[in-house]
Amino acid sequence: QVQLVESGGGLVQPGGSLRLSCAASGSIFGIYDIGWYRQAPGKQRELVAAITSAGSTKYADSVKGRFTISRDNAKNTVYLQMNSLKPEDTAVYYCNRWPYAPGYWGQGTRVTVSS
């Protein structure tokens, strides 16, 4: 089974940028569709962006034009470039298969957008 590990979170000011990474173990990573999800305090986990094995992408309306998802199958990694960050982007960010599979949740990486 593929294991997914998120990294790259941190504290950033509004308008700033971060790049999150989702590193996967396992040689079959390239066949998976992968999503980035987030969970803000007191809210349900939601899909932020997803990328298929062929490279097609999907974004939540709230992040369109600001976030970009990409993948490097040679490095078994999916990235989430986040620009023009807003306080409402504050959350723990997770990667998982898309649609998500319960056994693939990792620890997540925390993103805090605050001045």
Protein backbone atom coordinates (compact mmCIF):
# COMPACT_ATOMS: atom_id res chain seq x y z
CA GLN A 1 0.00 0.00 0.00
CA VAL A 2 1.22 3.48 -0.84
CA GLN A 3 2.01 5.75 2.11
CA LEU A 4 1.63 9.51 1.70
CA VAL A 5 3.57 12.10 3.74
CA GLU A 6 2.75 15.79 3.63
CA SER A 7 5.21 18.63 4.23
CA GLY A 8 5.74 22.31 3.54
CA GLY A 9 3.23 23.96 5.83
CA GLY A 10 3.95 26.88 8.09
CA LEU A 11 3.01 30.39 9.12
CA VAL A 12 2.63 32.93 6.34
CA GLN A 13 1.22 36.43 6.07
CA PRO A 14 -1.88 37.15 4.00
CA GLY A 15 -0.90 37.46 0.37
CA GLY A 16 2.05 35.15 0.81
CA SER A 17 2.84 31.79 -0.77
CA LEU A 18 3.66 28.26 0.27
CA ARG A 19 4.35 25.06 -1.61
CA LEU A 20 3.16 21.83 -0.07
CA SER A 21 4.58 18.45 -0.99
CA CYS A 22 3.00 15.02 -0.83
CA ALA A 23 5.66 12.33 -1.03
CA ALA A 24 4.59 8.78 -1.71
CA SER A 25 6.21 5.44 -1.21
CA GLY A 26 5.54 2.70 -3.68
CA SER A 27 6.21 2.24 -7.34
CA ILE A 28 2.56 2.36 -8.40
CA PHE A 29 2.03 5.94 -7.26
CA GLY A 30 1.80 7.13 -10.85
CA ILE A 31 -1.48 5.33 -11.49
CA TYR A 32 -3.28 7.05 -8.64
CA ASP A 33 -5.41 10.15 -8.87
CA ILE A 34 -4.35 12.33 -5.91
CA GLY A 35 -6.17 15.05 -4.04
CA TRP A 36 -5.19 17.73 -1.58
CA TYR A 37 -7.74 18.18 1.19
CA ARG A 38 -7.92 20.56 4.12
CA GLN A 39 -9.68 20.75 7.44
CA ALA A 40 -10.11 24.04 9.20
CA PRO A 41 -10.97 24.21 12.91
CA GLY A 42 -14.60 23.32 13.45
CA LYS A 43 -15.19 22.46 9.81
CA GLN A 44 -15.41 19.32 7.75
CA ARG A 45 -12.52 18.15 5.62
CA GLU A 46 -12.89 19.40 2.06
CA LEU A 47 -11.25 18.78 -1.29
CA VAL A 48 -9.00 21.64 -2.34
CA ALA A 49 -7.50 20.33 -5.58
CA ALA A 50 -7.01 17.05 -7.38
CA ILE A 51 -4.89 15.71 -10.20
CA THR A 52 -5.43 12.58 -12.22
CA SER A 53 -2.76 10.13 -13.30
CA ALA A 54 -2.94 11.77 -16.74
CA GLY A 55 -2.44 15.25 -15.31
CA SER A 56 -5.97 16.64 -15.48
CA THR A 57 -6.77 18.96 -12.59
CA LYS A 58 -9.75 20.06 -10.54
CA TYR A 59 -10.02 22.90 -8.02
CA ALA A 60 -12.43 24.05 -5.38
CA ASP A 61 -14.01 27.36 -6.34
CA SER A 62 -12.46 29.00 -3.29
CA VAL A 63 -8.90 28.40 -4.53
CA LYS A 64 -9.24 28.67 -8.32
CA GLY A 65 -6.66 31.05 -9.74
CA ARG A 66 -4.60 30.98 -6.53
CA PHE A 67 -3.59 27.34 -6.06
CA THR A 68 -1.91 25.02 -8.54
CA ILE A 69 -1.62 21.26 -8.18
CA SER A 70 1.07 19.36 -10.04
CA ARG A 71 2.83 16.03 -9.90
CA ASP A 72 6.24 14.58 -10.61
CA ASN A 73 5.79 10.83 -10.99
CA ALA A 74 9.54 10.29 -11.25
CA LYS A 75 9.82 11.68 -7.73
CA ASN A 76 6.57 10.12 -6.49
CA THR A 77 5.47 13.56 -5.36
CA VAL A 78 2.44 15.78 -5.76
CA TYR A 79 2.73 19.49 -5.08
CA LEU A 80 0.28 22.22 -4.13
CA GLN A 81 1.52 25.71 -4.92
CA MET A 82 -0.52 28.18 -2.90
CA ASN A 83 -0.37 31.87 -3.77
CA SER A 84 -2.28 34.91 -2.55
CA LEU A 85 -3.03 33.12 0.67
CA LYS A 86 -5.94 34.32 2.80
CA PRO A 87 -6.69 33.83 6.50
CA GLU A 88 -9.54 31.52 5.49
CA ASP A 89 -6.96 29.16 3.95
CA THR A 90 -5.76 28.35 7.46
CA ALA A 91 -6.18 24.61 7.97
CA VAL A 92 -4.40 21.30 8.19
CA TYR A 93 -3.72 20.11 4.66
CA TYR A 94 -3.71 16.44 3.73
CA CYS A 95 -3.12 14.49 0.59
CA ASN A 96 -4.92 11.28 -0.24
CA ARG A 97 -6.17 9.39 -3.21
CA TRP A 98 -9.02 11.00 -5.10
CA PRO A 99 -11.68 10.08 -4.21
CA TYR A 100 -10.14 9.65 -0.80
CA ALA A 101 -9.51 6.23 0.70
CA PRO A 102 -9.70 5.92 4.50
CA GLY A 103 -6.43 4.05 4.87
CA TYR A 104 -4.35 6.72 3.16
CA TRP A 105 -4.72 9.68 5.53
CA GLY A 106 -1.42 10.95 6.90
CA GLN A 107 -0.58 13.44 9.64
CA GLY A 108 -1.15 16.43 7.42
CA THR A 109 0.75 19.70 7.37
CA ARG A 110 -0.55 22.82 9.10
CA VAL A 111 -0.92 26.08 7.22
CA THR A 112 -1.57 29.24 9.18
CA VAL A 113 -2.25 32.50 7.35
CA SER A 114 -2.04 35.40 9.75
CA SER A 115 -0.46 38.79 10.12
